[in-house]
Amino acid sequence: MAHSARLRVRSAIVCISDAILELRKPLTNSWNLILEATHVPTGVQVAIKIINKAKIEQKKMDHKVRREIFNLKRFRHPHIIKLYQVIETATDIYLVMEYIDGGELFDYIVQRGRRGY
């Protein structure tokens, strides 16, 4: 569920809606900003994917992004990253997701080659 929210930054602590997050380092991604963070009240490590609304509208990808969010909200499987919260502001969409280290799956496949089953 999307929430209207204001982003307030104080040092490395960020409040988005009711979520208090301690930001650490940006992670690489092709066209979104992804930050490694900790949800302060629980200590759970998360990844925050920040999607600029103007950029996805310009690339005519807003429908695909909305579909990704819809699907991630519904899926609960050990091999699919969990979506904890969606926060929507006037300019951005913040996806607070399960943090998995090791980089992007695409990079892993390119480096090691595709595996047959």
PDB file of N, CA and C in Angstrom:
ATOM      1  N   MET A   1       0.831  -1.172   0.000  1.00  0.00           N
ATOM      2  CA  MET A   1       0.000   0.000   0.000  1.00  0.00           C
ATOM      3  C   MET A   1       0.880   1.242   0.000  1.00  0.00           C
ATOM      4  N   ALA A   2       0.561   2.197  -0.815  1.00  0.00           N
ATOM      5  CA  ALA A   2       1.362   3.404  -0.959  1.00  0.00           C
ATOM      6  C   ALA A   2       0.956   4.410   0.110  1.00  0.00           C
ATOM      7  N   HIS A   3       1.938   5.190   0.538  1.00  0.00           N
ATOM      8  CA  HIS A   3       1.704   6.217   1.530  1.00  0.00           C
ATOM      9  C   HIS A   3       2.266   7.526   1.019  1.00  0.00           C
ATOM     10  N   SER A   4       1.584   8.623   1.283  1.00  0.00           N
ATOM     11  CA  SER A   4       2.198   9.919   1.037  1.00  0.00           C
ATOM     12  C   SER A   4       3.179  10.137   2.170  1.00  0.00           C
ATOM     13  N   ALA A   5       4.333  10.668   1.855  1.00  0.00           N
ATOM     14  CA  ALA A   5       5.359  10.807   2.885  1.00  0.00           C
ATOM     15  C   ALA A   5       6.262  11.983   2.574  1.00  0.00           C
ATOM     16  N   ARG A   6       6.878  12.500   3.611  1.00  0.00           N
ATOM     17  CA  ARG A   6       7.904  13.511   3.432  1.00  0.00           C
ATOM     18  C   ARG A   6       9.221  12.877   3.836  1.00  0.00           C
ATOM     19  N   LEU A   7      10.281  13.241   3.143  1.00  0.00           N
ATOM     20  CA  LEU A   7      11.603  12.706   3.428  1.00  0.00           C
ATOM     21  C   LEU A   7      12.364  13.739   4.243  1.00  0.00           C
ATOM     22  N   ARG A   8      12.811  13.344   5.438  1.00  0.00           N
ATOM     23  CA  ARG A   8      13.613  14.219   6.280  1.00  0.00           C
ATOM     24  C   ARG A   8      14.950  13.530   6.524  1.00  0.00           C
ATOM     25  N   VAL A   9      16.033  14.244   6.271  1.00  0.00           N
ATOM     26  CA  VAL A   9      17.352  13.647   6.448  1.00  0.00           C
ATOM     27  C   VAL A   9      18.082  14.362   7.573  1.00  0.00           C
ATOM     28  N   ARG A  10      18.580  13.593   8.515  1.00  0.00           N
ATOM     29  CA  ARG A  10      19.441  14.103   9.583  1.00  0.00           C
ATOM     30  C   ARG A  10      20.606  13.145   9.670  1.00  0.00           C
ATOM     31  N   SER A  11      21.770  13.602   9.221  1.00  0.00           N
ATOM     32  CA  SER A  11      22.944  12.740   9.216  1.00  0.00           C
ATOM     33  C   SER A  11      22.620  11.496   8.392  1.00  0.00           C
ATOM     34  N   ALA A  12      22.788  10.303   8.970  1.00  0.00           N
ATOM     35  CA  ALA A  12      22.520   9.080   8.228  1.00  0.00           C
ATOM     36  C   ALA A  12      21.185   8.461   8.636  1.00  0.00           C
ATOM     37  N   ILE A  13      20.410   9.164   9.488  1.00  0.00           N
ATOM     38  CA  ILE A  13      19.112   8.659   9.903  1.00  0.00           C
ATOM     39  C   ILE A  13      18.050   9.340   9.045  1.00  0.00           C
ATOM     40  N   VAL A  14      17.162   8.543   8.459  1.00  0.00           N
ATOM     41  CA  VAL A  14      16.135   9.066   7.563  1.00  0.00           C
ATOM     42  C   VAL A  14      14.775   8.625   8.067  1.00  0.00           C
ATOM     43  N   CYS A  15      13.815   9.548   8.056  1.00  0.00           N
ATOM     44  CA  CYS A  15      12.427   9.220   8.371  1.00  0.00           C
ATOM     45  C   CYS A  15      11.619   9.332   7.096  1.00  0.00           C
ATOM     46  N   ILE A  16      11.018   8.226   6.685  1.00  0.00           N
ATOM     47  CA  ILE A  16      10.117   8.230   5.539  1.00  0.00           C
ATOM     48  C   ILE A  16       8.807   7.671   6.069  1.00  0.00           C
ATOM     49  N   SER A  17       7.779   8.499   6.064  1.00  0.00           N
ATOM     50  CA  SER A  17       6.499   8.107   6.631  1.00  0.00           C
ATOM     51  C   SER A  17       6.750   7.716   8.084  1.00  0.00           C
ATOM     52  N   ASP A  18       6.398   6.506   8.501  1.00  0.00           N
ATOM     53  CA  ASP A  18       6.634   6.081   9.879  1.00  0.00           C
ATOM     54  C   ASP A  18       7.870   5.193  10.008  1.00  0.00           C
ATOM     55  N   ALA A  19       8.619   5.013   8.919  1.00  0.00           N
ATOM     56  CA  ALA A  19       9.807   4.153   8.954  1.00  0.00           C
ATOM     57  C   ALA A  19      11.036   4.985   9.302  1.00  0.00           C
ATOM     58  N   ILE A  20      11.791   4.548  10.291  1.00  0.00           N
ATOM     59  CA  ILE A  20      13.040   5.203  10.665  1.00  0.00           C
ATOM     60  C   ILE A  20      14.162   4.287  10.205  1.00  0.00           C
ATOM     61  N   LEU A  21      15.000   4.803   9.302  1.00  0.00           N
ATOM     62  CA  LEU A  21      16.032   3.987   8.676  1.00  0.00           C
ATOM     63  C   LEU A  21      17.394   4.624   8.832  1.00  0.00           C
ATOM     64  N   GLU A  22      18.397   3.807   9.097  1.00  0.00           N
ATOM     65  CA  GLU A  22      19.782   4.271   9.131  1.00  0.00           C
ATOM     66  C   GLU A  22      20.414   3.859   7.808  1.00  0.00           C
ATOM     67  N   LEU A  23      20.742   4.856   6.987  1.00  0.00           N
ATOM     68  CA  LEU A  23      21.309   4.582   5.670  1.00  0.00           C
ATOM     69  C   LEU A  23      22.804   4.303   5.787  1.00  0.00           C
ATOM     70  N   ARG A  24      23.268   3.355   4.981  1.00  0.00           N
ATOM     71  CA  ARG A  24      24.686   3.061   4.965  1.00  0.00           C
ATOM     72  C   ARG A  24      25.282   3.409   3.622  1.00  0.00           C
ATOM     73  N   LYS A  25      25.240   2.544   2.665  1.00  0.00           N
ATOM     74  CA  LYS A  25      25.937   2.810   1.410  1.00  0.00           C
ATOM     75  C   LYS A  25      25.040   2.535   0.220  1.00  0.00           C
ATOM     76  N   PRO A  26      25.264   3.291  -0.860  1.00  0.00           N
ATOM     77  CA  PRO A  26      24.509   2.993  -2.076  1.00  0.00           C
ATOM     78  C   PRO A  26      24.996   1.694  -2.701  1.00  0.00           C
ATOM     79  N   LEU A  27      24.072   0.942  -3.261  1.00  0.00           N
ATOM     80  CA  LEU A  27      24.401  -0.291  -3.963  1.00  0.00           C
ATOM     81  C   LEU A  27      24.238  -0.031  -5.457  1.00  0.00           C
ATOM     82  N   THR A  28      24.919  -0.786  -6.285  1.00  0.00           N
ATOM     83  CA  THR A  28      24.857  -0.529  -7.717  1.00  0.00           C
ATOM     84  C   THR A  28      23.564  -1.055  -8.306  1.00  0.00           C
ATOM     85  N   ASN A  29      23.078  -0.337  -9.297  1.00  0.00           N
ATOM     86  CA  ASN A  29      21.897  -0.738 -10.057  1.00  0.00           C
ATOM     87  C   ASN A  29      21.914   0.058 -11.342  1.00  0.00           C
ATOM     88  N   SER A  30      21.304  -0.476 -12.379  1.00  0.00           N
ATOM     89  CA  SER A  30      21.384   0.148 -13.691  1.00  0.00           C
ATOM     90  C   SER A  30      20.691   1.503 -13.768  1.00  0.00           C
ATOM     91  N   TRP A  31      19.486   1.653 -13.215  1.00  0.00           N
ATOM     92  CA  TRP A  31      18.819   2.949 -13.371  1.00  0.00           C
ATOM     93  C   TRP A  31      18.037   3.406 -12.150  1.00  0.00           C
ATOM     94  N   ASN A  32      18.103   2.675 -11.062  1.00  0.00           N
ATOM     95  CA  ASN A  32      17.484   3.094  -9.807  1.00  0.00           C
ATOM     96  C   ASN A  32      18.567   3.272  -8.761  1.00  0.00           C
ATOM     97  N   LEU A  33      18.281   4.077  -7.769  1.00  0.00           N
ATOM     98  CA  LEU A  33      19.178   4.203  -6.633  1.00  0.00           C
ATOM     99  C   LEU A  33      18.746   3.180  -5.600  1.00  0.00           C
ATOM    100  N   ILE A  34      19.668   2.343  -5.161  1.00  0.00           N
ATOM    101  CA  ILE A  34      19.380   1.364  -4.122  1.00  0.00           C
ATOM    102  C   ILE A  34      20.333   1.620  -2.961  1.00  0.00           C
ATOM    103  N   LEU A  35      19.769   1.733  -1.764  1.00  0.00           N
ATOM    104  CA  LEU A  35      20.566   1.992  -0.572  1.00  0.00           C
ATOM    105  C   LEU A  35      20.473   0.826   0.383  1.00  0.00           C
ATOM    106  N   GLU A  36      21.588   0.498   0.991  1.00  0.00           N
ATOM    107  CA  GLU A  36      21.606  -0.473   2.085  1.00  0.00           C
ATOM    108  C   GLU A  36      21.255   0.299   3.353  1.00  0.00           C
ATOM    109  N   ALA A  37      20.370  -0.255   4.175  1.00  0.00           N
ATOM    110  CA  ALA A  37      19.926   0.467   5.370  1.00  0.00           C
ATOM    111  C   ALA A  37      19.549  -0.516   6.468  1.00  0.00           C
ATOM    112  N   THR A  38      19.327   0.030   7.662  1.00  0.00           N
ATOM    113  CA  THR A  38      18.830  -0.747   8.793  1.00  0.00           C
ATOM    114  C   THR A  38      17.564  -0.076   9.304  1.00  0.00           C
ATOM    115  N   HIS A  39      16.512  -0.862   9.500  1.00  0.00           N
ATOM    116  CA  HIS A  39      15.291  -0.362  10.120  1.00  0.00           C
ATOM    117  C   HIS A  39      15.610  -0.207  11.607  1.00  0.00           C
ATOM    118  N   VAL A  40      15.703   1.029  12.095  1.00  0.00           N
ATOM    119  CA  VAL A  40      16.220   1.317  13.430  1.00  0.00           C
ATOM    120  C   VAL A  40      15.436   0.631  14.552  1.00  0.00           C
ATOM    121  N   PRO A  41      14.101   0.684  14.583  1.00  0.00           N
ATOM    122  CA  PRO A  41      13.400   0.056  15.715  1.00  0.00           C
ATOM    123  C   PRO A  41      13.629  -1.455  15.851  1.00  0.00           C
ATOM    124  N   THR A  42      13.783  -2.170  14.715  1.00  0.00           N
ATOM    125  CA  THR A  42      13.911  -3.627  14.781  1.00  0.00           C
ATOM    126  C   THR A  42      15.330  -4.128  14.554  1.00  0.00           C
ATOM    127  N   GLY A  43      16.191  -3.298  13.956  1.00  0.00           N
ATOM    128  CA  GLY A  43      17.550  -3.727  13.638  1.00  0.00           C
ATOM    129  C   GLY A  43      17.643  -4.587  12.386  1.00  0.00           C
ATOM    130  N   VAL A  44      16.555  -4.713  11.634  1.00  0.00           N
ATOM    131  CA  VAL A  44      16.529  -5.538  10.425  1.00  0.00           C
ATOM    132  C   VAL A  44      17.237  -4.803   9.291  1.00  0.00           C
ATOM    133  N   GLN A  45      18.144  -5.510   8.616  1.00  0.00           N
ATOM    134  CA  GLN A  45      18.849  -4.942   7.473  1.00  0.00           C
ATOM    135  C   GLN A  45      17.918  -4.983   6.257  1.00  0.00           C
ATOM    136  N   VAL A  46      17.812  -3.847   5.530  1.00  0.00           N
ATOM    137  CA  VAL A  46      16.927  -3.742   4.381  1.00  0.00           C
ATOM    138  C   VAL A  46      17.655  -3.077   3.222  1.00  0.00           C
ATOM    139  N   ALA A  47      17.056  -3.203   2.047  1.00  0.00           N
ATOM    140  CA  ALA A  47      17.493  -2.460   0.871  1.00  0.00           C
ATOM    141  C   ALA A  47      16.356  -1.523   0.505  1.00  0.00           C
ATOM    142  N   ILE A  48      16.686  -0.288   0.175  1.00  0.00           N
ATOM    143  CA  ILE A  48      15.679   0.684  -0.225  1.00  0.00           C
ATOM    144  C   ILE A  48      15.913   1.019  -1.692  1.00  0.00           C
ATOM    145  N   LYS A  49      14.955   0.673  -2.513  1.00  0.00           N
ATOM    146  CA  LYS A  49      15.017   0.969  -3.938  1.00  0.00           C
ATOM    147  C   LYS A  49      14.233   2.254  -4.159  1.00  0.00           C
ATOM    148  N   ILE A  50      14.912   3.287  -4.675  1.00  0.00           N
ATOM    149  CA  ILE A  50      14.271   4.578  -4.899  1.00  0.00           C
ATOM    150  C   ILE A  50      14.053   4.745  -6.397  1.00  0.00           C
ATOM    151  N   ILE A  51      12.795   4.848  -6.788  1.00  0.00           N
ATOM    152  CA  ILE A  51      12.430   4.946  -8.192  1.00  0.00           C
ATOM    153  C   ILE A  51      11.881   6.344  -8.453  1.00  0.00           C
ATOM    154  N   ASN A  52      12.515   7.072  -9.347  1.00  0.00           N
ATOM    155  CA  ASN A  52      12.071   8.411  -9.705  1.00  0.00           C
ATOM    156  C   ASN A  52      10.872   8.311 -10.644  1.00  0.00           C
ATOM    157  N   LYS A  53       9.759   8.913 -10.259  1.00  0.00           N
ATOM    158  CA  LYS A  53       8.529   8.821 -11.049  1.00  0.00           C
ATOM    159  C   LYS A  53       8.682   9.446 -12.432  1.00  0.00           C
ATOM    160  N   ALA A  54       9.357  10.584 -12.508  1.00  0.00           N
ATOM    161  CA  ALA A  54       9.519  11.257 -13.805  1.00  0.00           C
ATOM    162  C   ALA A  54      10.313  10.385 -14.764  1.00  0.00           C
ATOM    163  N   LYS A  55      11.329   9.701 -14.247  1.00  0.00           N
ATOM    164  CA  LYS A  55      12.163   8.848 -15.097  1.00  0.00           C
ATOM    165  C   LYS A  55      11.373   7.662 -15.653  1.00  0.00           C
ATOM    166  N   ILE A  56      10.559   7.025 -14.811  1.00  0.00           N
ATOM    167  CA  ILE A  56       9.805   5.863 -15.313  1.00  0.00           C
ATOM    168  C   ILE A  56       8.686   6.288 -16.257  1.00  0.00           C
ATOM    169  N   GLU A  57       8.103   7.466 -16.022  1.00  0.00           N
ATOM    170  CA  GLU A  57       7.082   7.964 -16.952  1.00  0.00           C
ATOM    171  C   GLU A  57       7.708   8.324 -18.292  1.00  0.00           C
ATOM    172  N   GLN A  58       8.899   8.932 -18.245  1.00  0.00           N
ATOM    173  CA  GLN A  58       9.609   9.308 -19.474  1.00  0.00           C
ATOM    174  C   GLN A  58       9.939   8.067 -20.311  1.00  0.00           C
ATOM    175  N   LYS A  59      10.318   6.989 -19.641  1.00  0.00           N
ATOM    176  CA  LYS A  59      10.664   5.745 -20.342  1.00  0.00           C
ATOM    177  C   LYS A  59       9.446   4.865 -20.586  1.00  0.00           C
ATOM    178  N   LYS A  60       8.266   5.386 -20.231  1.00  0.00           N
ATOM    179  CA  LYS A  60       7.006   4.651 -20.389  1.00  0.00           C
ATOM    180  C   LYS A  60       7.057   3.285 -19.703  1.00  0.00           C
ATOM    181  N   MET A  61       7.618   3.280 -18.472  1.00  0.00           N
ATOM    182  CA  MET A  61       7.750   2.048 -17.710  1.00  0.00           C
ATOM    183  C   MET A  61       6.905   2.058 -16.443  1.00  0.00           C
ATOM    184  N   ASP A  62       6.057   3.079 -16.284  1.00  0.00           N
ATOM    185  CA  ASP A  62       5.293   3.179 -15.046  1.00  0.00           C
ATOM    186  C   ASP A  62       4.368   1.976 -14.846  1.00  0.00           C
ATOM    187  N   HIS A  63       3.798   1.451 -15.919  1.00  0.00           N
ATOM    188  CA  HIS A  63       2.942   0.261 -15.798  1.00  0.00           C
ATOM    189  C   HIS A  63       3.760  -0.956 -15.333  1.00  0.00           C
ATOM    190  N   LYS A  64       4.963  -1.106 -15.858  1.00  0.00           N
ATOM    191  CA  LYS A  64       5.815  -2.250 -15.460  1.00  0.00           C
ATOM    192  C   LYS A  64       6.223  -2.146 -13.993  1.00  0.00           C
ATOM    193  N   VAL A  65       6.538  -0.939 -13.550  1.00  0.00           N
ATOM    194  CA  VAL A  65       6.928  -0.749 -12.151  1.00  0.00           C
ATOM    195  C   VAL A  65       5.751  -1.043 -11.230  1.00  0.00           C
ATOM    196  N   ARG A  66       4.571  -0.562 -11.587  1.00  0.00           N
ATOM    197  CA  ARG A  66       3.381  -0.833 -10.774  1.00  0.00           C
ATOM    198  C   ARG A  66       3.086  -2.335 -10.723  1.00  0.00           C
ATOM    199  N   ARG A  67       3.299  -3.026 -11.846  1.00  0.00           N
ATOM    200  CA  ARG A  67       3.082  -4.478 -11.882  1.00  0.00           C
ATOM    201  C   ARG A  67       4.104  -5.193 -10.990  1.00  0.00           C
ATOM    202  N   GLU A  68       5.371  -4.732 -11.023  1.00  0.00           N
ATOM    203  CA  GLU A  68       6.396  -5.327 -10.149  1.00  0.00           C
ATOM    204  C   GLU A  68       6.002  -5.168  -8.682  1.00  0.00           C
ATOM    205  N   ILE A  69       5.541  -3.989  -8.313  1.00  0.00           N
ATOM    206  CA  ILE A  69       5.128  -3.744  -6.932  1.00  0.00           C
ATOM    207  C   ILE A  69       3.947  -4.638  -6.561  1.00  0.00           C
ATOM    208  N   PHE A  70       2.962  -4.719  -7.432  1.00  0.00           N
ATOM    209  CA  PHE A  70       1.787  -5.561  -7.199  1.00  0.00           C
ATOM    210  C   PHE A  70       2.205  -7.015  -6.969  1.00  0.00           C
ATOM    211  N   ASN A  71       3.091  -7.523  -7.831  1.00  0.00           N
ATOM    212  CA  ASN A  71       3.524  -8.914  -7.705  1.00  0.00           C
ATOM    213  C   ASN A  71       4.357  -9.150  -6.452  1.00  0.00           C
ATOM    214  N   LEU A  72       5.279  -8.247  -6.145  1.00  0.00           N
ATOM    215  CA  LEU A  72       6.107  -8.424  -4.956  1.00  0.00           C
ATOM    216  C   LEU A  72       5.277  -8.394  -3.673  1.00  0.00           C
ATOM    217  N   LYS A  73       4.210  -7.620  -3.645  1.00  0.00           N
ATOM    218  CA  LYS A  73       3.336  -7.595  -2.468  1.00  0.00           C
ATOM    219  C   LYS A  73       2.654  -8.940  -2.253  1.00  0.00           C
ATOM    220  N   ARG A  74       2.343  -9.622  -3.335  1.00  0.00           N
ATOM    221  CA  ARG A  74       1.584 -10.874  -3.255  1.00  0.00           C
ATOM    222  C   ARG A  74       2.449 -12.098  -2.994  1.00  0.00           C
ATOM    223  N   PHE A  75       3.687 -12.121  -3.508  1.00  0.00           N
ATOM    224  CA  PHE A  75       4.521 -13.316  -3.435  1.00  0.00           C
ATOM    225  C   PHE A  75       5.165 -13.475  -2.069  1.00  0.00           C
ATOM    226  N   ARG A  76       5.144 -14.692  -1.561  1.00  0.00           N
ATOM    227  CA  ARG A  76       5.873 -15.074  -0.350  1.00  0.00           C
ATOM    228  C   ARG A  76       6.555 -16.394  -0.654  1.00  0.00           C
ATOM    229  N   HIS A  77       7.824 -16.330  -1.001  1.00  0.00           N
ATOM    230  CA  HIS A  77       8.577 -17.527  -1.378  1.00  0.00           C
ATOM    231  C   HIS A  77      10.027 -17.307  -0.969  1.00  0.00           C
ATOM    232  N   PRO A  78      10.734 -18.342  -0.518  1.00  0.00           N
ATOM    233  CA  PRO A  78      12.117 -18.162  -0.064  1.00  0.00           C
ATOM    234  C   PRO A  78      13.077 -17.696  -1.159  1.00  0.00           C
ATOM    235  N   HIS A  79      12.716 -17.867  -2.426  1.00  0.00           N
ATOM    236  CA  HIS A  79      13.593 -17.457  -3.526  1.00  0.00           C
ATOM    237  C   HIS A  79      13.197 -16.125  -4.156  1.00  0.00           C
ATOM    238  N   ILE A  80      12.240 -15.435  -3.564  1.00  0.00           N
ATOM    239  CA  ILE A  80      11.813 -14.123  -4.059  1.00  0.00           C
ATOM    240  C   ILE A  80      11.999 -13.114  -2.934  1.00  0.00           C
ATOM    241  N   ILE A  81      12.639 -11.991  -3.253  1.00  0.00           N
ATOM    242  CA  ILE A  81      12.887 -10.948  -2.257  1.00  0.00           C
ATOM    243  C   ILE A  81      11.570 -10.426  -1.707  1.00  0.00           C
ATOM    244  N   LYS A  82      11.513 -10.248  -0.388  1.00  0.00           N
ATOM    245  CA  LYS A  82      10.301  -9.754   0.269  1.00  0.00           C
ATOM    246  C   LYS A  82      10.221  -8.230   0.150  1.00  0.00           C
ATOM    247  N   LEU A  83       9.030  -7.746  -0.130  1.00  0.00           N
ATOM    248  CA  LEU A  83       8.748  -6.317  -0.138  1.00  0.00           C
ATOM    249  C   LEU A  83       8.076  -5.987   1.184  1.00  0.00           C
ATOM    250  N   TYR A  84       8.739  -5.183   2.024  1.00  0.00           N
ATOM    251  CA  TYR A  84       8.198  -4.865   3.340  1.00  0.00           C
ATOM    252  C   TYR A  84       7.231  -3.686   3.305  1.00  0.00           C
ATOM    253  N   GLN A  85       7.592  -2.645   2.527  1.00  0.00           N
ATOM    254  CA  GLN A  85       6.782  -1.439   2.549  1.00  0.00           C
ATOM    255  C   GLN A  85       6.980  -0.655   1.259  1.00  0.00           C
ATOM    256  N   VAL A  86       5.920   0.005   0.791  1.00  0.00           N
ATOM    257  CA  VAL A  86       5.989   0.909  -0.356  1.00  0.00           C
ATOM    258  C   VAL A  86       5.599   2.283   0.145  1.00  0.00           C
ATOM    259  N   ILE A  87       6.467   3.256  -0.105  1.00  0.00           N
ATOM    260  CA  ILE A  87       6.204   4.628   0.313  1.00  0.00           C
ATOM    261  C   ILE A  87       6.284   5.495  -0.930  1.00  0.00           C
ATOM    262  N   GLU A  88       5.221   6.241  -1.186  1.00  0.00           N
ATOM    263  CA  GLU A  88       5.161   7.055  -2.397  1.00  0.00           C
ATOM    264  C   GLU A  88       5.125   8.528  -2.023  1.00  0.00           C
ATOM    265  N   THR A  89       6.017   9.314  -2.626  1.00  0.00           N
ATOM    266  CA  THR A  89       6.011  10.761  -2.459  1.00  0.00           C
ATOM    267  C   THR A  89       5.600  11.378  -3.792  1.00  0.00           C
ATOM    268  N   ALA A  90       5.599  12.682  -3.863  1.00  0.00           N
ATOM    269  CA  ALA A  90       5.225  13.358  -5.111  1.00  0.00           C
ATOM    270  C   ALA A  90       6.210  13.044  -6.233  1.00  0.00           C
ATOM    271  N   THR A  91       7.475  12.797  -5.903  1.00  0.00           N
ATOM    272  CA  THR A  91       8.497  12.613  -6.939  1.00  0.00           C
ATOM    273  C   THR A  91       9.074  11.206  -7.030  1.00  0.00           C
ATOM    274  N   ASP A  92       8.973  10.415  -5.961  1.00  0.00           N
ATOM    275  CA  ASP A  92       9.648   9.122  -5.926  1.00  0.00           C
ATOM    276  C   ASP A  92       8.763   8.035  -5.331  1.00  0.00           C
ATOM    277  N   ILE A  93       9.151   6.794  -5.612  1.00  0.00           N
ATOM    278  CA  ILE A  93       8.563   5.619  -4.973  1.00  0.00           C
ATOM    279  C   ILE A  93       9.703   4.916  -4.235  1.00  0.00           C
ATOM    280  N   TYR A  94       9.513   4.662  -2.949  1.00  0.00           N
ATOM    281  CA  TYR A  94      10.510   3.981  -2.124  1.00  0.00           C
ATOM    282  C   TYR A  94      10.013   2.564  -1.852  1.00  0.00           C
ATOM    283  N   LEU A  95      10.803   1.574  -2.241  1.00  0.00           N
ATOM    284  CA  LEU A  95      10.482   0.185  -1.950  1.00  0.00           C
ATOM    285  C   LEU A  95      11.437  -0.285  -0.864  1.00  0.00           C
ATOM    286  N   VAL A  96      10.918  -0.584   0.306  1.00  0.00           N
ATOM    287  CA  VAL A  96      11.727  -1.110   1.400  1.00  0.00           C
ATOM    288  C   VAL A  96      11.641  -2.625   1.289  1.00  0.00           C
ATOM    289  N   MET A  97      12.792  -3.241   0.982  1.00  0.00           N
ATOM    290  CA  MET A  97      12.829  -4.656   0.622  1.00  0.00           C
ATOM    291  C   MET A  97      13.831  -5.420   1.477  1.00  0.00           C
ATOM    292  N   GLU A  98      13.688  -6.714   1.444  1.00  0.00           N
ATOM    293  CA  GLU A  98      14.647  -7.614   2.087  1.00  0.00           C
ATOM    294  C   GLU A  98      16.028  -7.363   1.477  1.00  0.00           C
ATOM    295  N   TYR A  99      17.051  -7.325   2.333  1.00  0.00           N
ATOM    296  CA  TYR A  99      18.421  -7.124   1.844  1.00  0.00           C
ATOM    297  C   TYR A  99      19.096  -8.477   1.616  1.00  0.00           C
ATOM    298  N   ILE A 100      19.616  -8.656   0.428  1.00  0.00           N
ATOM    299  CA  ILE A 100      20.378  -9.856   0.087  1.00  0.00           C
ATOM    300  C   ILE A 100      21.725  -9.382  -0.457  1.00  0.00           C
ATOM    301  N   ASP A 101      22.820  -9.788   0.182  1.00  0.00           N
ATOM    302  CA  ASP A 101      24.122  -9.348  -0.323  1.00  0.00           C
ATOM    303  C   ASP A 101      24.585 -10.258  -1.456  1.00  0.00           C
ATOM    304  N   GLY A 102      25.596  -9.832  -2.158  1.00  0.00           N
ATOM    305  CA  GLY A 102      26.144 -10.643  -3.231  1.00  0.00           C
ATOM    306  C   GLY A 102      25.954 -10.039  -4.611  1.00  0.00           C
ATOM    307  N   GLY A 103      25.306  -8.892  -4.713  1.00  0.00           N
ATOM    308  CA  GLY A 103      25.159  -8.241  -6.005  1.00  0.00           C
ATOM    309  C   GLY A 103      23.921  -8.659  -6.765  1.00  0.00           C
ATOM    310  N   GLU A 104      23.879  -8.267  -8.026  1.00  0.00           N
ATOM    311  CA  GLU A 104      22.708  -8.538  -8.857  1.00  0.00           C
ATOM    312  C   GLU A 104      22.769  -9.917  -9.482  1.00  0.00           C
ATOM    313  N   LEU A 105      21.628 -10.553  -9.609  1.00  0.00           N
ATOM    314  CA  LEU A 105      21.528 -11.877 -10.216  1.00  0.00           C
ATOM    315  C   LEU A 105      22.049 -11.853 -11.654  1.00  0.00           C
ATOM    316  N   PHE A 106      21.736 -10.800 -12.399  1.00  0.00           N
ATOM    317  CA  PHE A 106      22.181 -10.695 -13.785  1.00  0.00           C
ATOM    318  C   PHE A 106      23.713 -10.768 -13.861  1.00  0.00           C
ATOM    319  N   ASP A 107      24.405 -10.024 -12.992  1.00  0.00           N
ATOM    320  CA  ASP A 107      25.875 -10.036 -12.971  1.00  0.00           C
ATOM    321  C   ASP A 107      26.407 -11.428 -12.637  1.00  0.00           C
ATOM    322  N   TYR A 108      25.760 -12.109 -11.707  1.00  0.00           N
ATOM    323  CA  TYR A 108      26.153 -13.465 -11.326  1.00  0.00           C
ATOM    324  C   TYR A 108      26.067 -14.402 -12.528  1.00  0.00           C
ATOM    325  N   ILE A 109      24.960 -14.313 -13.268  1.00  0.00           N
ATOM    326  CA  ILE A 109      24.767 -15.181 -14.434  1.00  0.00           C
ATOM    327  C   ILE A 109      25.790 -14.872 -15.513  1.00  0.00           C
ATOM    328  N   VAL A 110      26.084 -13.592 -15.745  1.00  0.00           N
ATOM    329  CA  VAL A 110      27.068 -13.204 -16.761  1.00  0.00           C
ATOM    330  C   VAL A 110      28.452 -13.742 -16.396  1.00  0.00           C
ATOM    331  N   GLN A 111      28.840 -13.625 -15.122  1.00  0.00           N
ATOM    332  CA  GLN A 111      30.170 -14.068 -14.689  1.00  0.00           C
ATOM    333  C   GLN A 111      30.330 -15.574 -14.713  1.00  0.00           C
ATOM    334  N   ARG A 112      29.309 -16.309 -14.330  1.00  0.00           N
ATOM    335  CA  ARG A 112      29.431 -17.761 -14.184  1.00  0.00           C
ATOM    336  C   ARG A 112      28.779 -18.560 -15.307  1.00  0.00           C
ATOM    337  N   GLY A 113      28.070 -17.882 -16.150  1.00  0.00           N
ATOM    338  CA  GLY A 113      27.393 -18.590 -17.235  1.00  0.00           C
ATOM    339  C   GLY A 113      26.079 -19.175 -16.755  1.00  0.00           C
ATOM    340  N   ARG A 114      25.228 -19.395 -17.690  1.00  0.00           N
ATOM    341  CA  ARG A 114      23.913 -19.958 -17.383  1.00  0.00           C
ATOM    342  C   ARG A 114      24.025 -21.429 -17.051  1.00  0.00           C
ATOM    343  N   ARG A 115      23.336 -21.868 -16.057  1.00  0.00           N
ATOM    344  CA  ARG A 115      23.373 -23.263 -15.623  1.00  0.00           C
ATOM    345  C   ARG A 115      22.159 -24.006 -16.180  1.00  0.00           C
ATOM    346  N   GLY A 116      22.370 -25.189 -16.702  1.00  0.00           N
ATOM    347  CA  GLY A 116      21.250 -26.013 -17.161  1.00  0.00           C
ATOM    348  C   GLY A 116      20.681 -26.818 -16.007  1.00  0.00           C
ATOM    349  N   TYR A 117      19.452 -27.252 -16.148  1.00  0.00           N
ATOM    350  CA  TYR A 117      18.816 -28.038 -15.078  1.00  0.00           C
ATOM    351  C   TYR A 117      18.645 -29.461 -15.506  1.00  0.00           C
TER     352      TYR A 117
END
